[in-house]
N, C-alpha and C. Protein backbone atom coordinates (compact mmCIF):
# COMPACT_ATOMS: atom_id res chain seq x y z
N UNK A 1 -2.15 -42.99 -23.66
CA UNK A 1 -2.75 -42.34 -22.51
C UNK A 1 -1.68 -41.94 -21.48
N UNK A 2 -0.72 -42.83 -21.26
CA UNK A 2 0.34 -42.52 -20.30
C UNK A 2 1.18 -41.34 -20.76
N UNK A 3 1.44 -41.25 -22.06
CA UNK A 3 2.22 -40.13 -22.59
C UNK A 3 1.49 -38.81 -22.36
N UNK A 4 0.19 -38.82 -22.56
CA UNK A 4 -0.60 -37.62 -22.34
C UNK A 4 -0.57 -37.21 -20.87
N UNK A 5 -0.71 -38.18 -19.99
CA UNK A 5 -0.69 -37.91 -18.55
C UNK A 5 0.68 -37.38 -18.12
N UNK A 6 1.75 -37.96 -18.61
CA UNK A 6 3.10 -37.51 -18.28
C UNK A 6 3.33 -36.10 -18.83
N UNK A 7 2.88 -35.83 -20.03
CA UNK A 7 3.02 -34.51 -20.63
C UNK A 7 2.26 -33.47 -19.80
N UNK A 8 1.04 -33.78 -19.40
CA UNK A 8 0.25 -32.86 -18.58
C UNK A 8 0.90 -32.62 -17.22
N UNK A 9 1.44 -33.67 -16.62
CA UNK A 9 2.15 -33.52 -15.35
C UNK A 9 3.37 -32.63 -15.50
N UNK A 10 4.11 -32.81 -16.57
CA UNK A 10 5.29 -32.01 -16.84
C UNK A 10 4.92 -30.53 -17.02
N UNK A 11 3.88 -30.26 -17.78
CA UNK A 11 3.42 -28.88 -18.01
C UNK A 11 2.94 -28.26 -16.70
N UNK A 12 2.24 -29.04 -15.88
CA UNK A 12 1.77 -28.54 -14.59
C UNK A 12 2.95 -28.18 -13.69
N UNK A 13 3.97 -29.03 -13.65
CA UNK A 13 5.16 -28.73 -12.84
C UNK A 13 5.86 -27.47 -13.32
N UNK A 14 5.98 -27.32 -14.63
CA UNK A 14 6.60 -26.11 -15.18
C UNK A 14 5.80 -24.88 -14.80
N UNK A 15 4.49 -24.97 -14.90
CA UNK A 15 3.63 -23.84 -14.57
C UNK A 15 3.76 -23.46 -13.10
N UNK A 16 3.79 -24.45 -12.22
CA UNK A 16 3.86 -24.18 -10.78
C UNK A 16 5.20 -23.57 -10.39
N UNK A 17 6.28 -23.98 -11.00
CA UNK A 17 7.58 -23.39 -10.67
C UNK A 17 7.71 -21.99 -11.25
N UNK A 18 7.01 -21.72 -12.33
CA UNK A 18 7.07 -20.39 -12.94
C UNK A 18 6.22 -19.39 -12.18
N UNK A 19 5.22 -19.84 -11.46
CA UNK A 19 4.30 -18.95 -10.74
C UNK A 19 4.78 -18.76 -9.30
N UNK A 20 5.74 -17.89 -9.10
CA UNK A 20 6.18 -17.56 -7.75
C UNK A 20 5.81 -16.12 -7.48
N UNK A 21 6.28 -15.56 -6.37
CA UNK A 21 5.89 -14.19 -6.02
C UNK A 21 6.51 -13.14 -6.93
N UNK A 22 7.45 -13.52 -7.80
CA UNK A 22 7.98 -12.58 -8.79
C UNK A 22 6.86 -12.10 -9.71
N UNK A 23 5.91 -12.99 -9.98
CA UNK A 23 4.82 -12.67 -10.88
C UNK A 23 3.62 -12.08 -10.16
N UNK A 24 3.71 -12.00 -8.85
CA UNK A 24 2.60 -11.51 -8.06
C UNK A 24 2.36 -10.03 -8.36
N UNK A 25 1.12 -9.66 -8.64
CA UNK A 25 0.85 -8.25 -8.93
C UNK A 25 1.03 -7.38 -7.70
N UNK A 26 1.28 -6.11 -7.93
CA UNK A 26 1.40 -5.15 -6.83
C UNK A 26 0.02 -4.96 -6.23
N UNK A 27 -0.12 -5.26 -4.96
CA UNK A 27 -1.40 -5.16 -4.26
C UNK A 27 -1.22 -4.24 -3.06
N UNK A 28 -2.10 -3.28 -2.91
CA UNK A 28 -2.00 -2.30 -1.82
C UNK A 28 -1.91 -2.97 -0.46
N UNK A 29 -2.66 -4.03 -0.23
CA UNK A 29 -2.65 -4.70 1.07
C UNK A 29 -1.27 -5.26 1.41
N UNK A 30 -0.45 -5.54 0.41
CA UNK A 30 0.88 -6.10 0.67
C UNK A 30 1.78 -5.14 1.41
N UNK A 31 1.53 -3.84 1.32
CA UNK A 31 2.41 -2.85 1.94
C UNK A 31 2.27 -2.84 3.46
N UNK A 32 1.11 -3.21 3.97
CA UNK A 32 0.83 -3.13 5.41
C UNK A 32 1.71 -4.12 6.17
N UNK A 33 2.39 -3.60 7.22
CA UNK A 33 3.26 -4.43 8.05
C UNK A 33 4.60 -3.76 8.25
N UNK A 34 5.52 -4.48 8.86
CA UNK A 34 6.85 -3.94 9.16
C UNK A 34 7.87 -4.54 8.21
N UNK A 35 8.66 -3.66 7.61
CA UNK A 35 9.67 -4.03 6.62
C UNK A 35 11.04 -3.61 7.14
N UNK A 36 12.04 -4.46 6.96
CA UNK A 36 13.40 -4.16 7.38
C UNK A 36 14.27 -3.99 6.14
N UNK A 37 15.03 -2.90 6.11
CA UNK A 37 15.91 -2.64 4.98
C UNK A 37 16.98 -3.73 4.91
N UNK A 38 17.20 -4.24 3.69
CA UNK A 38 18.20 -5.27 3.45
C UNK A 38 19.47 -4.61 2.93
N UNK A 39 20.58 -4.97 3.53
CA UNK A 39 21.87 -4.43 3.11
C UNK A 39 22.58 -5.44 2.22
N UNK A 40 23.47 -4.98 1.35
CA UNK A 40 24.21 -5.92 0.50
C UNK A 40 24.96 -6.95 1.34
N UNK A 41 25.02 -8.17 0.83
CA UNK A 41 25.70 -9.25 1.54
C UNK A 41 27.16 -8.88 1.80
N UNK A 42 27.61 -9.13 3.01
CA UNK A 42 28.99 -8.84 3.38
C UNK A 42 29.18 -7.46 3.98
N UNK A 43 28.17 -6.61 3.89
CA UNK A 43 28.27 -5.26 4.46
C UNK A 43 27.96 -5.32 5.95
N UNK A 44 28.87 -4.86 6.77
CA UNK A 44 28.67 -4.84 8.22
C UNK A 44 27.92 -3.56 8.57
N UNK A 45 26.76 -3.68 9.22
CA UNK A 45 25.98 -2.51 9.61
C UNK A 45 26.01 -2.36 11.12
N UNK A 46 25.80 -1.15 11.58
CA UNK A 46 25.79 -0.86 13.01
C UNK A 46 24.39 -0.50 13.47
N UNK A 47 23.41 -1.03 12.81
CA UNK A 47 22.02 -0.77 13.14
C UNK A 47 21.15 -1.24 12.00
N UNK A 48 19.90 -0.81 12.02
CA UNK A 48 19.00 -1.16 10.92
C UNK A 48 17.86 -0.17 10.85
N UNK A 49 17.16 -0.21 9.73
CA UNK A 49 16.03 0.68 9.47
C UNK A 49 14.78 -0.16 9.25
N UNK A 50 13.70 0.19 9.95
CA UNK A 50 12.41 -0.47 9.75
C UNK A 50 11.38 0.56 9.32
N UNK A 51 10.59 0.19 8.33
CA UNK A 51 9.45 1.01 7.91
C UNK A 51 8.21 0.19 8.22
N UNK A 52 7.29 0.76 9.01
CA UNK A 52 6.03 0.08 9.35
C UNK A 52 4.87 0.86 8.77
N UNK A 53 4.13 0.22 7.89
CA UNK A 53 2.98 0.82 7.22
C UNK A 53 1.71 0.29 7.86
N UNK A 54 0.71 1.17 8.09
CA UNK A 54 -0.59 0.68 8.55
C UNK A 54 -1.65 0.98 7.49
N UNK A 55 -2.85 0.48 7.73
CA UNK A 55 -3.92 0.61 6.73
C UNK A 55 -4.48 2.02 6.62
N UNK A 56 -4.21 2.88 7.61
CA UNK A 56 -4.77 4.24 7.57
C UNK A 56 -3.82 5.25 6.94
N UNK A 57 -2.76 4.78 6.27
CA UNK A 57 -1.87 5.70 5.56
C UNK A 57 -0.76 6.28 6.41
N UNK A 58 -0.46 5.67 7.54
CA UNK A 58 0.63 6.14 8.39
C UNK A 58 1.86 5.24 8.24
N UNK A 59 3.01 5.88 8.25
CA UNK A 59 4.29 5.19 8.15
C UNK A 59 5.13 5.56 9.36
N UNK A 60 5.61 4.56 10.08
CA UNK A 60 6.50 4.79 11.22
C UNK A 60 7.88 4.31 10.79
N UNK A 61 8.83 5.24 10.73
CA UNK A 61 10.20 4.89 10.36
C UNK A 61 11.03 4.83 11.63
N UNK A 62 11.59 3.66 11.90
CA UNK A 62 12.44 3.46 13.07
C UNK A 62 13.86 3.22 12.59
N UNK A 63 14.77 4.00 13.15
CA UNK A 63 16.18 3.87 12.83
C UNK A 63 16.88 3.41 14.10
N UNK A 64 17.50 2.25 14.04
CA UNK A 64 18.26 1.72 15.16
C UNK A 64 19.73 1.88 14.82
N UNK A 65 20.44 2.71 15.59
CA UNK A 65 21.83 3.02 15.29
C UNK A 65 22.66 2.88 16.56
N UNK A 66 23.69 2.04 16.51
CA UNK A 66 24.54 1.80 17.68
C UNK A 66 25.20 3.08 18.15
N UNK A 67 25.66 3.91 17.22
CA UNK A 67 26.39 5.12 17.58
C UNK A 67 25.47 6.29 17.96
N UNK A 68 24.42 6.54 17.18
CA UNK A 68 23.58 7.72 17.37
C UNK A 68 22.36 7.45 18.25
N UNK A 69 22.08 6.20 18.55
CA UNK A 69 20.89 5.87 19.31
C UNK A 69 19.72 5.57 18.40
N UNK A 70 18.60 5.28 18.99
CA UNK A 70 17.41 4.90 18.24
C UNK A 70 16.48 6.09 18.09
N UNK A 71 15.76 6.11 16.96
CA UNK A 71 14.76 7.15 16.77
C UNK A 71 13.57 6.56 16.02
N UNK A 72 12.44 7.19 16.22
CA UNK A 72 11.22 6.75 15.56
C UNK A 72 10.42 8.00 15.19
N UNK A 73 9.97 8.07 13.96
CA UNK A 73 9.21 9.22 13.49
C UNK A 73 8.04 8.74 12.65
N UNK A 74 6.90 9.40 12.82
CA UNK A 74 5.70 9.04 12.06
C UNK A 74 5.53 9.97 10.86
N UNK A 75 5.12 9.38 9.75
CA UNK A 75 4.88 10.10 8.50
C UNK A 75 3.57 9.59 7.91
N UNK A 76 3.18 10.19 6.81
CA UNK A 76 2.04 9.73 6.03
C UNK A 76 2.57 9.17 4.73
N UNK A 77 1.89 8.18 4.19
CA UNK A 77 2.27 7.66 2.88
C UNK A 77 1.03 7.49 2.01
N UNK A 78 1.24 7.63 0.72
CA UNK A 78 0.17 7.41 -0.25
C UNK A 78 0.78 6.66 -1.42
N UNK A 79 0.12 5.57 -1.81
CA UNK A 79 0.51 4.88 -3.04
C UNK A 79 -0.33 5.44 -4.17
N UNK A 80 0.26 5.59 -5.34
CA UNK A 80 -0.49 6.09 -6.48
C UNK A 80 -1.58 5.10 -6.85
N UNK A 81 -2.52 5.53 -7.67
CA UNK A 81 -3.65 4.67 -8.05
C UNK A 81 -3.20 3.33 -8.60
N UNK A 82 -2.18 3.35 -9.42
CA UNK A 82 -1.71 2.09 -10.02
C UNK A 82 -0.63 1.43 -9.17
N UNK A 83 -0.40 1.94 -7.95
CA UNK A 83 0.59 1.40 -7.00
C UNK A 83 2.00 1.38 -7.56
N UNK A 84 2.31 2.32 -8.43
CA UNK A 84 3.65 2.36 -9.04
C UNK A 84 4.56 3.37 -8.37
N UNK A 85 4.01 4.26 -7.53
CA UNK A 85 4.86 5.19 -6.80
C UNK A 85 4.28 5.42 -5.42
N UNK A 86 5.17 5.82 -4.49
CA UNK A 86 4.79 6.07 -3.12
C UNK A 86 5.30 7.45 -2.72
N UNK A 87 4.42 8.27 -2.15
CA UNK A 87 4.79 9.60 -1.68
C UNK A 87 4.73 9.60 -0.16
N UNK A 88 5.80 10.11 0.47
CA UNK A 88 5.87 10.19 1.92
C UNK A 88 5.86 11.66 2.31
N UNK A 89 5.01 12.00 3.27
CA UNK A 89 4.91 13.38 3.74
C UNK A 89 4.74 13.38 5.25
N UNK A 90 4.86 14.57 5.84
CA UNK A 90 4.71 14.69 7.28
C UNK A 90 4.87 16.13 7.71
N UNK A 91 4.89 16.33 9.02
CA UNK A 91 5.02 17.67 9.57
C UNK A 91 6.46 18.00 9.85
N UNK A 92 6.85 19.21 9.50
CA UNK A 92 8.22 19.67 9.68
C UNK A 92 8.19 21.17 9.94
N UNK A 93 9.19 21.68 10.63
CA UNK A 93 9.30 23.12 10.87
C UNK A 93 10.00 23.75 9.68
N UNK A 94 9.35 24.74 9.08
CA UNK A 94 9.95 25.40 7.91
C UNK A 94 10.92 26.50 8.36
N UNK A 95 11.45 27.24 7.41
CA UNK A 95 12.45 28.26 7.71
C UNK A 95 11.89 29.41 8.55
N UNK A 96 10.56 29.59 8.57
CA UNK A 96 9.95 30.63 9.40
C UNK A 96 9.50 30.07 10.76
N UNK A 97 9.99 28.90 11.15
CA UNK A 97 9.63 28.23 12.39
C UNK A 97 8.15 27.90 12.50
N UNK A 98 7.51 27.63 11.37
CA UNK A 98 6.11 27.24 11.35
C UNK A 98 6.04 25.74 11.07
N UNK A 99 5.11 25.07 11.74
CA UNK A 99 4.90 23.65 11.51
C UNK A 99 4.03 23.48 10.27
N UNK A 100 4.57 22.85 9.25
CA UNK A 100 3.84 22.67 7.99
C UNK A 100 3.85 21.20 7.60
N UNK A 101 2.83 20.80 6.87
CA UNK A 101 2.76 19.44 6.32
C UNK A 101 3.28 19.51 4.90
N UNK A 102 4.30 18.76 4.60
CA UNK A 102 4.91 18.84 3.28
C UNK A 102 5.39 17.46 2.83
N UNK A 103 5.64 17.36 1.54
CA UNK A 103 6.12 16.13 0.94
C UNK A 103 7.62 16.00 1.18
N UNK A 104 8.07 14.82 1.64
CA UNK A 104 9.49 14.58 1.91
C UNK A 104 10.17 13.81 0.78
N UNK A 105 9.50 12.80 0.27
CA UNK A 105 10.16 11.93 -0.71
C UNK A 105 9.14 11.22 -1.57
N UNK A 106 9.57 10.87 -2.78
CA UNK A 106 8.77 10.06 -3.70
C UNK A 106 9.64 8.90 -4.15
N UNK A 107 9.06 7.70 -4.14
CA UNK A 107 9.77 6.50 -4.56
C UNK A 107 8.98 5.79 -5.65
N UNK A 108 9.67 5.24 -6.63
CA UNK A 108 9.06 4.33 -7.59
C UNK A 108 8.95 2.98 -6.90
N UNK A 109 7.79 2.33 -6.99
CA UNK A 109 7.63 1.00 -6.43
C UNK A 109 8.02 0.01 -7.52
N UNK A 110 9.19 -0.57 -7.38
CA UNK A 110 9.72 -1.50 -8.37
C UNK A 110 9.07 -2.87 -8.19
N UNK A 111 8.90 -3.28 -6.93
CA UNK A 111 8.30 -4.58 -6.63
C UNK A 111 7.61 -4.50 -5.28
N UNK A 112 6.43 -5.07 -5.18
CA UNK A 112 5.71 -5.12 -3.91
C UNK A 112 4.96 -6.44 -3.86
N UNK A 113 5.49 -7.38 -3.08
CA UNK A 113 4.83 -8.65 -2.85
C UNK A 113 4.58 -8.78 -1.36
N UNK A 114 4.11 -9.92 -0.92
CA UNK A 114 3.84 -10.11 0.51
C UNK A 114 5.12 -10.11 1.33
N UNK A 115 6.26 -10.43 0.71
CA UNK A 115 7.50 -10.57 1.46
C UNK A 115 8.60 -9.61 1.06
N UNK A 116 8.43 -8.92 -0.07
CA UNK A 116 9.50 -8.04 -0.54
C UNK A 116 8.94 -6.73 -1.07
N UNK A 117 9.58 -5.64 -0.65
CA UNK A 117 9.28 -4.30 -1.14
C UNK A 117 10.58 -3.75 -1.71
N UNK A 118 10.55 -3.43 -2.98
CA UNK A 118 11.72 -2.85 -3.64
C UNK A 118 11.31 -1.49 -4.18
N UNK A 119 12.03 -0.44 -3.72
CA UNK A 119 11.71 0.91 -4.13
C UNK A 119 12.96 1.59 -4.68
N UNK A 120 12.72 2.62 -5.46
CA UNK A 120 13.81 3.42 -6.02
C UNK A 120 13.44 4.88 -5.84
N UNK A 121 14.33 5.62 -5.18
CA UNK A 121 14.07 7.04 -4.93
C UNK A 121 13.96 7.78 -6.26
N UNK A 122 12.89 8.56 -6.42
CA UNK A 122 12.76 9.38 -7.63
C UNK A 122 12.83 10.87 -7.30
N UNK A 123 12.58 11.22 -6.01
CA UNK A 123 12.65 12.64 -5.61
C UNK A 123 12.74 12.71 -4.10
N UNK A 124 13.60 13.60 -3.58
CA UNK A 124 13.70 13.86 -2.14
C UNK A 124 13.71 15.36 -1.94
N UNK A 125 12.94 15.84 -1.00
CA UNK A 125 12.87 17.26 -0.69
C UNK A 125 14.12 17.66 0.10
N UNK A 126 14.95 18.47 -0.47
CA UNK A 126 16.19 18.89 0.19
C UNK A 126 16.03 20.23 0.89
N UNK A 127 14.80 20.74 0.98
CA UNK A 127 14.56 22.04 1.61
C UNK A 127 14.68 22.01 3.13
N UNK A 128 14.66 20.83 3.73
CA UNK A 128 14.61 20.75 5.19
C UNK A 128 15.95 20.32 5.76
N UNK A 129 16.81 21.29 5.99
CA UNK A 129 18.11 21.00 6.58
C UNK A 129 18.01 20.74 8.07
N UNK A 130 16.86 21.07 8.67
CA UNK A 130 16.72 20.88 10.11
C UNK A 130 16.20 19.49 10.48
N UNK A 131 16.09 18.60 9.51
CA UNK A 131 15.73 17.22 9.83
C UNK A 131 16.88 16.58 10.60
N UNK A 132 16.54 15.77 11.58
CA UNK A 132 17.57 15.02 12.32
C UNK A 132 18.33 14.14 11.33
N UNK A 133 19.64 13.98 11.51
CA UNK A 133 20.43 13.19 10.55
C UNK A 133 19.90 11.79 10.33
N UNK A 134 19.45 11.12 11.41
CA UNK A 134 18.95 9.75 11.22
C UNK A 134 17.66 9.74 10.41
N UNK A 135 16.84 10.81 10.52
CA UNK A 135 15.62 10.87 9.72
C UNK A 135 15.95 11.16 8.26
N UNK A 136 16.94 12.01 8.02
CA UNK A 136 17.38 12.26 6.65
C UNK A 136 17.87 10.97 6.01
N UNK A 137 18.63 10.18 6.79
CA UNK A 137 19.13 8.91 6.28
C UNK A 137 18.00 7.95 5.97
N UNK A 138 16.89 8.05 6.68
CA UNK A 138 15.76 7.17 6.43
C UNK A 138 15.16 7.44 5.05
N UNK A 139 15.32 8.65 4.55
CA UNK A 139 14.80 8.96 3.22
C UNK A 139 15.86 8.79 2.15
N UNK A 140 17.09 9.06 2.46
CA UNK A 140 18.17 8.93 1.48
C UNK A 140 18.71 7.51 1.56
N UNK A 141 17.89 6.57 1.17
CA UNK A 141 18.20 5.16 1.40
C UNK A 141 19.28 4.61 0.50
N UNK A 142 19.43 5.12 -0.66
CA UNK A 142 20.42 4.55 -1.55
C UNK A 142 20.51 5.35 -2.82
N UNK A 143 20.20 6.64 -2.69
CA UNK A 143 20.21 7.46 -3.89
C UNK A 143 19.14 6.97 -4.84
N UNK A 144 19.51 6.85 -6.08
CA UNK A 144 18.52 6.47 -7.09
C UNK A 144 18.68 5.01 -7.50
N UNK A 145 19.19 4.17 -6.59
CA UNK A 145 19.31 2.73 -6.81
C UNK A 145 18.14 2.03 -6.13
N UNK A 146 17.89 0.79 -6.52
CA UNK A 146 16.87 0.00 -5.85
C UNK A 146 17.28 -0.25 -4.40
N UNK A 147 16.31 -0.14 -3.50
CA UNK A 147 16.52 -0.49 -2.10
C UNK A 147 15.49 -1.58 -1.78
N UNK A 148 15.94 -2.61 -1.10
CA UNK A 148 15.08 -3.75 -0.82
C UNK A 148 14.74 -3.81 0.67
N UNK A 149 13.46 -4.01 0.96
CA UNK A 149 12.97 -4.26 2.30
C UNK A 149 12.33 -5.65 2.30
N UNK A 150 12.44 -6.34 3.41
CA UNK A 150 11.79 -7.66 3.54
C UNK A 150 11.03 -7.71 4.84
N UNK A 151 9.95 -8.51 4.83
CA UNK A 151 9.16 -8.74 6.05
C UNK A 151 9.75 -9.89 6.79
């Protein structure tokens, strides 16, 4: 009886250590909140980038930069049905000086848990050269590499 109890306890401990947020499914509600871009360890930054998602599909990107100053811009976001990609769009002035709503960027959602958002750029609209440099940087987060945000 003791061997069975010890074996069950051992299996339970293994199961509990294996079930962390790595195994957590991508859930739409996890995206809501403020996320801060994580930089590689040892990299000295002169500011930071925050993405704040709300439940109504709005994204506020705040760029804090020691040299260029701070900026904040609102966009729209949509997660795909299976929550595997995220499309960001918003209003921008086109080449004819008209205000249009257009898609800015598409990201693959590599990981989305309650504490970590990992995305990989799959497409960026390069048609808008009149975007402020800090806003362009907010979309060109790391080329086509994984970028990590944490709450």
